[in-house]
Amino acid sequence: MPARAAEVPVLRVPHPFSGSRLLIPNPATAGDAKRTAVVMLHGSEGGSAWLIKPEADLIASQGYAVLVLCYFDCNRGLTGPRQTLRDIDVSLIPRAISWLREQPWSNGAVALYGFSRGAELALIAGSLEGPDSERPSALIAHSPSDLYNSYFNWSWREPACWLCPLGPGRCPGSVPQPAHQWNDACGPDNERRMDFSRSAWIVDGLSVPAGRRIAVEDISLPTLITVGEEDQTWSPDQTRRIESRMRAAGRDPEVHYFPGAGHVFGGDDENRRRSLVLTFLARL
């Protein structure tokens, strides 16, 4: 890994993307050099994406502009119903990339960096055609899927969101069982009434069917993918299929499999993964 630059103070600055955060190195201490931007996409937890904040701060402290882009459930507080990951218009991504390139501190390079469902979104955006000004310069994906997946809401896995009409102790097992009823206080999207034949994504104004393959073979950008070999959320077999299809198409993705690691890394695995990300960004 190349020698890391000394950390610099970071500013949080205005932007037009609701529920998002934009961090840039403070010009007063970091200078006025043009900078690569990184768009970070959280996973299925939605806009309250505390999991990626530490890494966003780290990347910005190394001299990059970092937009932590909220694509659903933005501005939600600590309490209240969660929104469902559904009907997400992928056009948000090219708009964000184009806006970042227009900023006076931009050097024109914009990396798109997603986690889990955000990694799925990153691969979708990277596989689509569009003007050069709206396309990312590179992709980073941690534990991606190779398919357009359907809706998801963490409240569907929350016991308090399922009510037993038979009385305490009379409904079998954990949530959700057939005897339970959806608690409307957890939001309007009852899992049992959702059309899961549709994916969560809108492309060119149209809903994409769930289960459709992402055209990863069309991704010609520099690409870094990381995944844990013991990931129980998104199988590493999805990453193996992505790698295989990209290589068969003549692409050369950089792919790292972490033995013993799960979906969210920690300790030495996480330190190594972040080092790989910084090394990859430095080459841009």
Protein backbone atom coordinates (compact mmCIF):
# COMPACT_ATOMS: atom_id res chain seq x y z
CA MET A 1 0.00 0.00 0.00
CA PRO A 2 1.34 3.48 -0.82
CA ALA A 3 2.27 5.73 2.06
CA ARG A 4 -0.89 7.30 3.44
CA ALA A 5 -1.14 11.07 3.44
CA ALA A 6 -1.32 12.82 6.75
CA GLU A 7 -4.91 13.18 7.90
CA VAL A 8 -6.46 16.57 7.27
CA PRO A 9 -9.38 18.34 8.95
CA VAL A 10 -12.70 17.79 7.21
CA LEU A 11 -15.61 20.15 6.57
CA ARG A 12 -19.26 19.20 6.20
CA VAL A 13 -20.60 21.38 3.39
CA PRO A 14 -24.00 22.09 1.76
CA HIS A 15 -25.35 20.00 -1.15
CA PRO A 16 -28.74 19.39 -2.83
CA PHE A 17 -29.27 15.75 -1.75
CA SER A 18 -31.77 15.35 1.07
CA GLY A 19 -30.65 13.29 4.05
CA SER A 20 -27.10 12.96 2.73
CA ARG A 21 -23.72 14.24 3.98
CA LEU A 22 -20.92 15.81 1.95
CA LEU A 23 -17.46 15.92 3.49
CA ILE A 24 -14.48 17.71 1.95
CA PRO A 25 -10.95 18.39 3.25
CA ASN A 26 -10.68 21.86 4.74
CA PRO A 27 -8.97 24.04 2.07
CA ALA A 28 -7.45 26.15 4.85
CA THR A 29 -5.24 23.22 5.85
CA ALA A 30 -5.42 20.80 2.91
CA GLY A 31 -4.87 23.36 0.15
CA ASP A 32 -6.82 24.04 -3.01
CA ALA A 33 -5.81 20.96 -5.00
CA LYS A 34 -8.48 19.37 -7.18
CA ARG A 35 -9.92 16.23 -5.57
CA THR A 36 -11.39 12.86 -6.44
CA ALA A 37 -14.92 12.40 -5.11
CA VAL A 38 -16.43 9.24 -3.63
CA VAL A 39 -20.16 8.53 -3.55
CA MET A 40 -20.91 6.11 -0.71
CA LEU A 41 -24.15 4.10 -0.78
CA HIS A 42 -25.45 2.56 2.45
CA GLY A 43 -27.22 -0.78 2.68
CA SER A 44 -30.76 -1.82 3.54
CA GLU A 45 -30.72 0.06 6.86
CA GLY A 46 -31.63 3.23 4.97
CA GLY A 47 -30.65 6.83 5.53
CA SER A 48 -29.69 6.29 9.16
CA ALA A 49 -26.50 4.67 7.89
CA TRP A 50 -24.29 4.89 10.95
CA LEU A 51 -22.30 1.85 9.80
CA ILE A 52 -20.45 3.71 7.05
CA LYS A 53 -19.88 7.03 8.84
CA PRO A 54 -16.46 6.08 10.30
CA GLU A 55 -15.13 5.03 6.92
CA ALA A 56 -16.57 8.11 5.22
CA ASP A 57 -14.72 10.26 7.76
CA LEU A 58 -11.52 8.28 7.17
CA ILE A 59 -11.65 8.59 3.38
CA ALA A 60 -12.35 12.33 3.57
CA SER A 61 -9.45 12.77 5.99
CA GLN A 62 -7.17 11.29 3.32
CA GLY A 63 -7.97 14.11 0.90
CA TYR A 64 -11.11 12.92 -0.90
CA ALA A 65 -14.51 14.55 -1.16
CA VAL A 66 -17.08 12.07 0.16
CA LEU A 67 -20.82 12.20 -0.49
CA VAL A 68 -22.69 9.74 1.74
CA LEU A 69 -25.74 9.58 -0.49
CA CYS A 70 -29.11 8.67 0.99
CA TYR A 71 -31.31 6.86 -1.52
CA PHE A 72 -34.21 5.90 0.75
CA ASP A 73 -35.62 6.51 4.25
CA CYS A 74 -33.85 9.85 4.39
CA ASN A 75 -34.13 12.16 7.40
CA ARG A 76 -35.70 9.48 9.59
CA GLY A 77 -35.20 10.01 13.30
CA LEU A 78 -34.25 7.49 15.94
CA THR A 79 -37.86 6.37 16.28
CA GLY A 80 -40.82 5.95 13.98
CA PRO A 81 -41.71 3.63 11.11
CA ARG A 82 -39.00 2.58 8.71
CA GLN A 83 -39.55 3.12 5.02
CA THR A 84 -39.34 0.13 2.70
CA LEU A 85 -36.48 -0.20 0.24
CA ARG A 86 -38.68 -0.04 -2.86
CA ASP A 87 -39.24 1.97 -6.05
CA ILE A 88 -35.77 3.55 -5.90
CA ASP A 89 -35.08 5.61 -9.01
CA VAL A 90 -31.54 4.76 -10.10
CA SER A 91 -31.28 8.13 -11.88
CA LEU A 92 -30.31 9.64 -8.51
CA ILE A 93 -26.83 8.20 -8.98
CA PRO A 94 -25.90 9.87 -12.30
CA ARG A 95 -27.38 13.14 -11.00
CA ALA A 96 -25.11 12.99 -7.96
CA ILE A 97 -22.05 12.12 -10.06
CA SER A 98 -22.71 14.96 -12.49
CA TRP A 99 -23.20 17.45 -9.65
CA LEU A 100 -19.95 16.43 -7.97
CA ARG A 101 -18.01 16.88 -11.22
CA GLU A 102 -19.33 20.43 -11.49
CA GLN A 103 -17.87 21.48 -8.13
CA PRO A 104 -14.83 23.81 -8.20
CA TRP A 105 -12.72 21.38 -6.14
CA SER A 106 -13.39 18.38 -8.42
CA ASN A 107 -10.68 16.79 -10.56
CA GLY A 108 -13.38 14.99 -12.55
CA ALA A 109 -12.91 11.55 -11.03
CA VAL A 110 -15.88 10.11 -9.09
CA ALA A 111 -15.80 6.64 -7.55
CA LEU A 112 -19.09 4.92 -6.68
CA TYR A 113 -18.79 2.84 -3.49
CA GLY A 114 -21.64 0.69 -2.19
CA PHE A 115 -22.31 -1.75 0.64
CA SER A 116 -24.71 -4.71 0.38
CA ARG A 117 -27.90 -3.33 -1.23
CA GLY A 118 -25.88 -0.19 -1.93
CA ALA A 119 -23.32 -2.39 -3.70
CA GLU A 120 -26.16 -3.86 -5.76
CA LEU A 121 -27.15 -0.29 -6.67
CA ALA A 122 -23.54 0.60 -7.53
CA LEU A 123 -23.26 -2.33 -9.96
CA ILE A 124 -26.63 -1.46 -11.52
CA ALA A 125 -25.55 2.17 -12.05
CA GLY A 126 -22.18 1.06 -13.41
CA SER A 127 -23.79 -1.31 -15.90
CA LEU A 128 -26.10 1.28 -17.48
CA GLU A 129 -25.33 3.49 -20.44
CA GLY A 130 -25.35 7.26 -20.17
CA PRO A 131 -23.39 10.44 -20.85
CA ASP A 132 -19.77 10.37 -19.72
CA SER A 133 -20.48 13.26 -17.35
CA GLU A 134 -22.96 11.07 -15.43
CA ARG A 135 -21.00 7.82 -15.32
CA PRO A 136 -18.69 6.89 -12.44
CA SER A 137 -14.94 6.68 -12.97
CA ALA A 138 -14.67 3.50 -10.89
CA LEU A 139 -16.75 1.13 -8.77
CA ILE A 140 -16.21 -0.29 -5.29
CA ALA A 141 -18.65 -2.92 -4.02
CA HIS A 142 -18.67 -4.70 -0.68
CA SER A 143 -20.78 -7.88 -0.62
CA PRO A 144 -22.80 -7.16 -3.78
CA SER A 145 -25.60 -9.13 -5.39
CA ASP A 146 -25.56 -10.08 -9.05
CA LEU A 147 -29.36 -9.71 -9.30
CA TYR A 148 -31.99 -7.00 -9.09
CA ASN A 149 -33.51 -7.87 -5.71
CA SER A 150 -36.97 -7.06 -4.41
CA TYR A 151 -38.28 -4.94 -1.54
CA PHE A 152 -36.98 -5.04 2.02
CA ASN A 153 -37.85 -3.42 5.32
CA TRP A 154 -36.03 -4.16 8.59
CA SER A 155 -39.33 -3.77 10.44
CA TRP A 156 -40.45 -7.04 8.84
CA ARG A 157 -37.91 -8.73 11.12
CA GLU A 158 -38.91 -6.76 14.22
CA PRO A 159 -41.06 -8.75 16.71
CA ALA A 160 -42.89 -5.63 17.88
CA CYS A 161 -44.21 -5.13 14.34
CA TRP A 162 -46.21 -8.37 14.41
CA LEU A 163 -49.28 -8.64 16.66
CA CYS A 164 -50.84 -11.84 17.95
CA PRO A 165 -54.67 -11.58 17.75
CA LEU A 166 -55.06 -14.75 19.83
CA GLY A 167 -53.55 -13.24 22.98
CA PRO A 168 -50.14 -13.36 24.72
CA GLY A 169 -48.40 -16.70 24.50
CA ARG A 170 -50.90 -18.23 22.09
CA CYS A 171 -49.20 -17.42 18.78
CA PRO A 172 -46.49 -19.93 17.86
CA GLY A 173 -42.82 -19.25 17.33
CA SER A 174 -41.05 -16.05 16.41
CA VAL A 175 -41.98 -13.51 13.77
CA PRO A 176 -43.61 -13.61 11.38
CA GLN A 177 -45.92 -16.62 11.80
CA PRO A 178 -49.26 -17.05 9.99
CA ALA A 179 -51.27 -16.21 13.10
CA HIS A 180 -49.60 -12.81 13.52
CA GLN A 181 -51.00 -9.60 12.07
CA TRP A 182 -49.02 -6.63 10.81
CA ASN A 183 -48.81 -3.71 13.23
CA ASP A 184 -49.78 -0.63 11.22
CA ALA A 185 -47.77 1.51 13.64
CA CYS A 186 -44.68 0.11 11.89
CA GLY A 187 -45.67 1.68 8.58
CA PRO A 188 -48.06 1.01 5.71
CA ASP A 189 -46.06 -1.73 3.97
CA ASN A 190 -47.35 -5.08 5.19
CA GLU A 191 -44.86 -7.70 3.98
CA ARG A 192 -47.65 -10.17 3.25
CA ARG A 193 -49.29 -7.78 0.80
CA MET A 194 -46.21 -6.77 -1.20
CA ASP A 195 -45.62 -7.70 -4.85
CA PHE A 196 -42.20 -9.31 -4.63
CA SER A 197 -42.13 -10.02 -8.36
CA ARG A 198 -40.89 -6.44 -8.70
CA SER A 199 -37.38 -5.42 -7.77
CA ALA A 200 -36.64 -2.41 -5.59
CA TRP A 201 -35.26 -0.44 -8.54
CA ILE A 202 -36.66 1.91 -11.19
CA VAL A 203 -34.57 2.26 -14.39
CA ASP A 204 -35.56 4.72 -17.14
CA GLY A 205 -38.90 5.19 -15.42
CA LEU A 206 -39.75 1.47 -15.42
CA SER A 207 -39.82 -1.08 -12.62
CA VAL A 208 -37.30 -3.87 -13.16
CA PRO A 209 -38.51 -7.42 -12.39
CA ALA A 210 -36.99 -9.09 -9.34
CA GLY A 211 -34.39 -11.72 -10.16
CA ARG A 212 -33.13 -10.12 -13.37
CA ARG A 213 -29.36 -10.36 -13.73
CA ILE A 214 -27.35 -7.16 -13.45
CA ALA A 215 -25.37 -6.78 -16.69
CA VAL A 216 -22.00 -6.78 -14.93
CA GLU A 217 -20.31 -7.89 -18.16
CA ASP A 218 -21.01 -4.38 -19.47
CA ILE A 219 -19.02 -2.74 -16.65
CA SER A 220 -15.75 -1.55 -18.20
CA LEU A 221 -14.75 0.65 -15.24
CA PRO A 222 -11.98 -0.14 -12.75
CA THR A 223 -13.78 -2.26 -10.16
CA LEU A 224 -12.91 -3.39 -6.63
CA ILE A 225 -15.07 -6.03 -4.92
CA THR A 226 -14.72 -7.41 -1.38
CA VAL A 227 -16.75 -10.14 0.31
CA GLY A 228 -16.59 -12.42 3.32
CA GLU A 229 -16.52 -16.13 2.54
CA GLU A 230 -18.85 -16.77 5.50
CA ASP A 231 -21.34 -14.06 4.55
CA GLN A 232 -24.79 -15.33 5.55
CA THR A 233 -26.63 -12.26 4.19
CA TRP A 234 -25.41 -12.20 0.58
CA SER A 235 -23.72 -15.42 -0.47
CA PRO A 236 -20.14 -15.02 -1.75
CA ASP A 237 -21.27 -17.19 -4.68
CA GLN A 238 -22.87 -14.03 -6.04
CA THR A 239 -19.46 -12.34 -6.08
CA ARG A 240 -17.95 -15.40 -7.76
CA ARG A 241 -20.58 -15.18 -10.51
CA ILE A 242 -19.93 -11.45 -10.92
CA GLU A 243 -16.20 -12.04 -11.20
CA SER A 244 -16.63 -14.92 -13.63
CA ARG A 245 -18.95 -13.00 -15.95
CA MET A 246 -16.77 -9.90 -15.91
CA ARG A 247 -13.63 -11.86 -16.72
CA ALA A 248 -15.42 -13.79 -19.47
CA ALA A 249 -16.25 -10.40 -21.01
CA GLY A 250 -12.58 -9.36 -20.93
CA ARG A 251 -12.85 -7.20 -17.79
CA ASP A 252 -10.29 -7.27 -15.00
CA PRO A 253 -12.00 -6.65 -11.65
CA GLU A 254 -9.96 -6.66 -8.45
CA VAL A 255 -11.75 -9.14 -6.18
CA HIS A 256 -10.84 -10.10 -2.61
CA TYR A 257 -12.43 -12.97 -0.66
CA PHE A 258 -11.97 -12.87 3.13
CA PRO A 259 -11.90 -16.36 4.71
CA GLY A 260 -13.95 -16.57 7.90
CA ALA A 261 -15.46 -13.10 7.49
CA GLY A 262 -19.21 -12.43 7.46
CA HIS A 263 -21.30 -9.63 6.00
CA VAL A 264 -19.98 -6.82 8.22
CA PHE A 265 -16.25 -6.97 8.89
CA GLY A 266 -14.38 -6.13 12.06
CA GLY A 267 -10.85 -6.09 13.44
CA ASP A 268 -7.99 -7.04 11.10
CA ASP A 269 -10.35 -7.93 8.24
CA GLU A 270 -11.94 -4.49 8.32
CA ASN A 271 -8.57 -2.74 8.55
CA ARG A 272 -7.32 -4.71 5.54
CA ARG A 273 -10.51 -4.04 3.57
CA ARG A 274 -10.24 -0.30 4.17
CA SER A 275 -6.58 -0.36 3.15
CA LEU A 276 -7.58 -2.02 -0.12
CA VAL A 277 -10.13 0.72 -0.70
CA LEU A 278 -7.62 3.53 -0.07
CA THR A 279 -5.04 1.87 -2.33
CA PHE A 280 -7.63 1.49 -5.08
CA LEU A 281 -8.70 5.14 -4.76
CA ALA A 282 -5.08 6.32 -4.83
CA ARG A 283 -4.68 4.73 -8.28
CA LEU A 284 -7.47 6.94 -9.62
